[in-house]
Protein backbone atom coordinates (compact mmCIF):
# COMPACT_ATOMS: atom_id res chain seq x y z
CA MET A 1 -15.58 5.93 11.37
CA GLY A 2 -17.04 2.57 9.96
CA LYS A 3 -20.62 3.73 10.51
CA ASN A 4 -21.66 2.66 7.18
CA LEU A 5 -23.35 -0.49 6.27
CA GLU A 6 -22.03 -0.51 2.69
CA ASN A 7 -19.24 -2.43 1.78
CA ALA A 8 -16.21 -0.35 -0.04
CA ILE A 9 -13.92 -3.78 -0.50
CA GLU A 10 -15.13 -7.29 -0.90
CA VAL A 11 -12.42 -9.87 -1.12
CA ARG A 12 -13.41 -13.44 -2.01
CA ASP A 13 -11.18 -16.70 -1.93
CA LEU A 14 -8.17 -14.49 -3.15
CA CYS A 15 -5.18 -16.58 -4.22
CA ILE A 16 -1.95 -15.31 -5.68
CA SER A 17 1.24 -17.02 -6.11
CA TYR A 18 4.83 -16.43 -7.56
CA LYS A 19 7.05 -18.51 -9.46
CA ASN A 20 10.50 -18.66 -7.98
CA LEU A 21 13.15 -19.29 -10.49
CA LYS A 22 16.39 -20.80 -8.64
CA SER A 23 19.74 -20.01 -10.36
CA TYR A 24 20.47 -21.76 -13.41
CA SER A 25 24.07 -21.46 -14.93
CA ILE A 26 24.69 -20.85 -18.43
CA LYS A 27 27.39 -23.80 -18.45
CA LYS A 28 24.28 -26.18 -17.56
CA SER A 29 22.07 -24.28 -20.30
CA LEU A 30 24.66 -25.11 -23.05
CA LEU A 31 24.97 -28.74 -21.83
CA HIS A 32 21.18 -29.25 -22.05
CA LEU A 33 20.93 -30.49 -18.59
CA LYS A 34 17.68 -31.00 -17.10
CA ARG A 35 16.34 -27.71 -15.85
CA GLN A 36 14.75 -27.99 -12.50
CA LYS A 37 11.08 -26.89 -12.48
CA ALA A 38 10.35 -23.47 -11.05
CA GLU A 39 9.09 -23.33 -7.39
CA VAL A 40 5.75 -21.89 -6.77
CA PHE A 41 5.20 -19.81 -3.67
CA GLU A 42 1.82 -19.22 -2.49
CA ALA A 43 1.78 -15.44 -1.03
CA VAL A 44 -1.92 -15.15 -0.54
CA LYS A 45 -4.16 -18.54 0.25
CA HIS A 46 -7.78 -18.39 -0.11
CA VAL A 47 -8.31 -15.16 1.71
CA SER A 48 -12.02 -13.51 2.17
CA TYR A 49 -12.92 -10.38 3.98
CA ASP A 50 -15.04 -7.19 3.74
CA VAL A 51 -14.02 -3.55 4.55
CA LYS A 52 -17.12 -1.18 5.18
CA LYS A 53 -17.05 2.27 3.47
CA GLY A 54 -15.28 4.65 5.87
CA GLU A 55 -13.44 1.94 7.81
CA ILE A 56 -10.15 1.56 8.69
CA LEU A 57 -8.63 -1.88 8.44
CA GLY A 58 -5.02 -2.42 9.61
CA ILE A 59 -2.78 -5.47 8.42
CA ILE A 60 -0.03 -6.86 10.50
CA GLY A 61 2.25 -9.91 10.17
CA LYS A 62 5.82 -10.86 10.17
CA ASN A 63 7.86 -10.42 6.92
CA GLY A 64 6.61 -12.82 4.09
CA SER A 65 3.19 -13.22 5.43
CA GLY A 66 1.38 -11.51 2.40
CA LYS A 67 0.55 -8.26 3.66
CA SER A 68 2.00 -6.13 0.73
CA THR A 69 1.00 -8.81 -1.96
CA MET A 70 -2.39 -8.18 -0.66
CA LEU A 71 -2.05 -4.31 -0.62
CA LYS A 72 -0.79 -4.59 -4.29
CA ALA A 73 -3.51 -6.78 -5.66
CA LEU A 74 -6.26 -4.26 -3.89
CA ALA A 75 -4.49 -1.42 -5.98
CA GLY A 76 -4.58 -3.77 -9.18
CA ILE A 77 -0.72 -4.14 -9.55
CA PHE A 78 -0.88 -7.85 -8.79
CA SER A 79 -3.61 -9.81 -10.74
CA PRO A 80 -5.20 -12.82 -8.60
CA ASP A 81 -4.82 -16.46 -9.69
CA SER A 82 -8.00 -16.83 -8.66
CA GLY A 83 -10.61 -15.40 -6.42
CA THR A 84 -12.18 -11.92 -6.64
CA ILE A 85 -11.71 -8.28 -5.60
CA ASP A 86 -14.46 -6.00 -5.76
CA LEU A 87 -13.85 -2.27 -4.72
CA LYS A 88 -17.46 -1.31 -5.63
CA GLY A 89 -16.49 1.50 -8.41
CA HIS A 90 -14.29 3.50 -5.94
CA SER A 91 -11.15 5.24 -6.88
CA VAL A 92 -7.93 3.87 -5.12
CA SER A 93 -4.49 5.10 -4.62
CA LEU A 94 -1.44 3.15 -3.28
CA LEU A 95 1.01 4.83 -1.10
CA SER A 96 4.17 2.70 -0.97
CA ILE A 97 7.71 3.56 -1.42
CA GLY A 98 9.28 2.88 -4.61
CA VAL A 99 5.96 2.20 -6.53
CA GLY A 100 4.86 4.27 -9.57
CA PHE A 101 7.53 7.11 -9.95
CA GLN A 102 9.62 7.44 -13.48
CA LYS A 103 12.87 7.92 -12.35
CA GLU A 104 14.10 10.10 -15.42
CA LEU A 105 11.16 12.70 -15.04
CA SER A 106 11.15 15.35 -12.58
CA GLY A 107 9.18 15.43 -9.36
CA ARG A 108 6.87 17.92 -10.86
CA GLU A 109 6.35 15.83 -14.01
CA ASN A 110 5.64 12.75 -11.47
CA ILE A 111 3.09 14.61 -9.88
CA LEU A 112 1.12 15.00 -13.25
CA LEU A 113 1.82 11.31 -14.34
CA SER A 114 0.65 9.87 -10.65
CA GLY A 115 -2.28 12.10 -10.69
CA MET A 116 -3.57 10.96 -14.21
CA LEU A 117 -2.91 7.07 -13.13
CA LEU A 118 -5.14 7.73 -10.01
CA GLY A 119 -7.88 8.91 -12.64
CA PHE A 120 -7.48 12.78 -12.19
CA SER A 121 -7.76 15.36 -15.04
CA GLU A 122 -4.91 17.41 -15.76
CA GLU A 123 -6.61 20.20 -14.76
CA GLU A 124 -7.63 18.95 -11.21
CA ILE A 125 -3.71 17.96 -10.74
CA ARG A 126 -2.67 21.50 -12.01
CA GLU A 127 -5.23 22.91 -9.55
CA LYS A 128 -3.79 20.86 -6.58
CA MET A 129 -0.01 20.94 -7.71
CA PRO A 130 1.00 24.00 -5.48
CA GLY A 131 -0.31 22.17 -2.42
CA ILE A 132 1.62 18.93 -3.16
CA ILE A 133 4.66 20.87 -3.85
CA GLU A 134 4.44 22.94 -0.78
CA PHE A 135 3.52 19.95 1.58
CA ALA A 136 6.32 17.83 0.08
CA GLU A 137 9.09 20.76 1.04
CA LEU A 138 11.15 19.63 -1.81
CA GLY A 139 12.27 22.95 -2.71
CA LYS A 140 14.44 23.24 -5.85
CA PHE A 141 14.42 19.41 -6.24
CA ILE A 142 10.90 19.45 -7.43
CA ASP A 143 12.17 20.32 -10.78
CA MET A 144 14.96 17.39 -10.69
CA PRO A 145 14.97 14.09 -11.86
CA VAL A 146 13.69 11.70 -9.30
CA LYS A 147 16.54 9.45 -9.79
CA THR A 148 18.56 11.95 -7.73
CA TYR A 149 16.43 11.83 -4.82
CA SER A 150 17.16 10.14 -1.39
CA SER A 151 14.69 7.73 -0.07
CA GLY A 152 13.39 10.20 2.29
CA MET A 153 12.44 12.77 -0.63
CA HIS A 154 11.02 10.06 -2.53
CA SER A 155 8.54 9.12 0.22
CA LYS A 156 7.97 12.70 0.93
CA LEU A 157 7.04 13.25 -2.71
CA ALA A 158 4.92 9.77 -2.74
CA PHE A 159 3.06 10.94 0.54
CA SER A 160 2.11 14.38 -0.69
CA ILE A 161 0.51 13.15 -4.04
CA THR A 162 -1.52 10.51 -1.96
CA ALA A 163 -2.36 12.91 0.70
CA ILE A 164 -3.47 15.93 -1.37
CA LEU A 165 -5.15 13.92 -4.49
CA GLU A 166 -7.78 12.33 -2.01
CA THR A 167 -9.27 9.09 -3.48
CA ASP A 168 -12.13 7.11 -2.10
CA ILE A 169 -9.76 3.97 -0.91
CA MET A 170 -6.34 4.74 0.25
CA LEU A 171 -3.87 2.07 0.53
CA ILE A 172 -0.80 2.80 2.79
CA ASP A 173 2.13 0.34 2.83
CA GLU A 174 4.48 0.83 5.97
CA VAL A 175 5.00 4.70 4.95
CA LEU A 176 4.25 6.69 7.99
CA SER A 177 7.69 5.47 9.39
CA VAL A 178 9.89 7.05 6.60
CA GLY A 179 11.34 10.52 6.48
CA ASP A 180 12.71 12.91 8.88
CA GLU A 181 11.18 13.12 12.38
CA LYS A 182 9.56 16.62 11.54
CA PHE A 183 7.79 15.20 8.31
CA LYS A 184 7.10 11.85 10.06
CA LYS A 185 4.98 13.99 12.51
CA LYS A 186 3.41 16.07 9.84
CA SER A 187 2.38 13.20 7.43
CA TYR A 188 0.95 11.51 10.59
CA ASN A 189 -1.29 14.14 11.70
CA LYS A 190 -2.48 14.57 7.93
CA MET A 191 -2.88 10.97 7.65
CA LYS A 192 -5.33 11.26 10.87
CA SER A 193 -7.24 14.20 9.34
CA LEU A 194 -7.85 12.44 6.01
CA ILE A 195 -8.83 9.16 7.57
CA SER A 196 -11.30 11.03 9.82
CA ASN A 197 -13.42 11.50 6.92
CA GLU A 198 -15.91 8.74 7.37
CA ASP A 199 -16.52 8.36 3.60
CA ARG A 200 -12.77 7.45 2.99
CA THR A 201 -11.70 3.80 3.36
CA VAL A 202 -8.41 2.98 4.32
CA VAL A 203 -6.29 -0.11 4.52
CA ILE A 204 -3.02 0.30 6.43
CA VAL A 205 -0.07 -2.09 6.24
CA SER A 206 2.38 -1.75 9.24
CA HIS A 207 4.64 -3.49 11.85
CA SER A 208 3.77 -0.71 14.37
CA ILE A 209 1.27 -2.15 17.05
CA SER A 210 0.80 1.54 18.48
CA THR A 211 0.03 2.89 15.04
CA LEU A 212 -2.55 0.31 14.09
CA GLN A 213 -3.99 0.35 17.85
CA GLU A 214 -4.65 4.11 17.56
CA LEU A 215 -5.92 4.42 13.77
CA CYS A 216 -7.71 1.33 12.78
CA ASP A 217 -11.32 0.02 13.49
CA GLN A 218 -10.54 -3.49 12.90
CA VAL A 219 -7.06 -5.35 12.42
CA MET A 220 -6.19 -8.33 10.10
CA TRP A 221 -3.40 -10.84 11.40
CA MET A 222 -1.81 -12.40 8.04
CA HIS A 223 0.31 -15.60 8.69
CA ASP A 224 1.87 -17.67 5.77
CA GLY A 225 -0.58 -16.01 3.40
CA GLU A 226 -3.74 -16.72 5.38
CA ILE A 227 -5.64 -14.68 7.75
CA ARG A 228 -4.76 -15.95 11.25
CA MET A 229 -7.20 -13.55 12.88
CA LEU A 230 -9.43 -10.62 12.23
CA GLY A 231 -11.23 -8.46 14.53
CA GLU A 232 -11.16 -5.68 17.21
CA PRO A 233 -7.44 -3.92 17.08
CA LYS A 234 -6.96 -4.43 20.99
CA GLU A 235 -7.70 -8.25 20.60
CA VAL A 236 -5.89 -8.99 17.35
CA LEU A 237 -2.74 -6.98 18.23
CA ALA A 238 -2.60 -8.62 21.64
CA ALA A 239 -2.60 -12.05 20.16
CA TYR A 240 0.01 -11.07 17.76
CA LYS A 241 2.26 -9.74 20.08
CA GLU A 242 2.12 -12.80 22.33
CA PHE A 243 2.72 -14.82 19.11
CA MET A 244 6.02 -12.59 18.36
CA LYS A 245 7.28 -12.94 21.71
């Protein structure tokens, strides 16, 4: 892993912010009282880094540090306010609970839709569909609307789609910790086999020090939207552990 010299991901001076609108009553609105300005929350502040082709980057940090925002920006869900993200033309998939499913559609229909959004042809998706359905272990629920799914079933389907429809860059958001123990073990083993491919680049956001220690080539510690530390997993995770005491 991580033996390639070329970059798969280049991030330069990335800034992403949200507007935080405070609650504002209808009564105040009708009385034309002066409205407070929306607060701007800077989720990611001037972040730059590279990920080499075939490398596994782990991102850790306390809640609200900008980890998931970073991942969604890499996936193209969030647009940067400034700075650039260059994925070098690679296909990318985001494995994150609650992203991308149409709740009225069945699991089977969502497999097709998700695959097309990832850039696969209908023929390619239909070819891989039996493998996705088998891996997800949803039985008759595969033909029921996703809105009837439990969070565990939702995560099984999301994981199966991303795991079977393999892209060049995989973005994983805290998803290995969801689902029953049996599926968790199966998905973890599948993830290990997927990321052992030295041409596949992976970015994992997780709170699990042991997962990042075992899987990653380098770890980024994010704090208040900035990179606090980036380097060897052992060193970064030890510093993070000490900080969180």
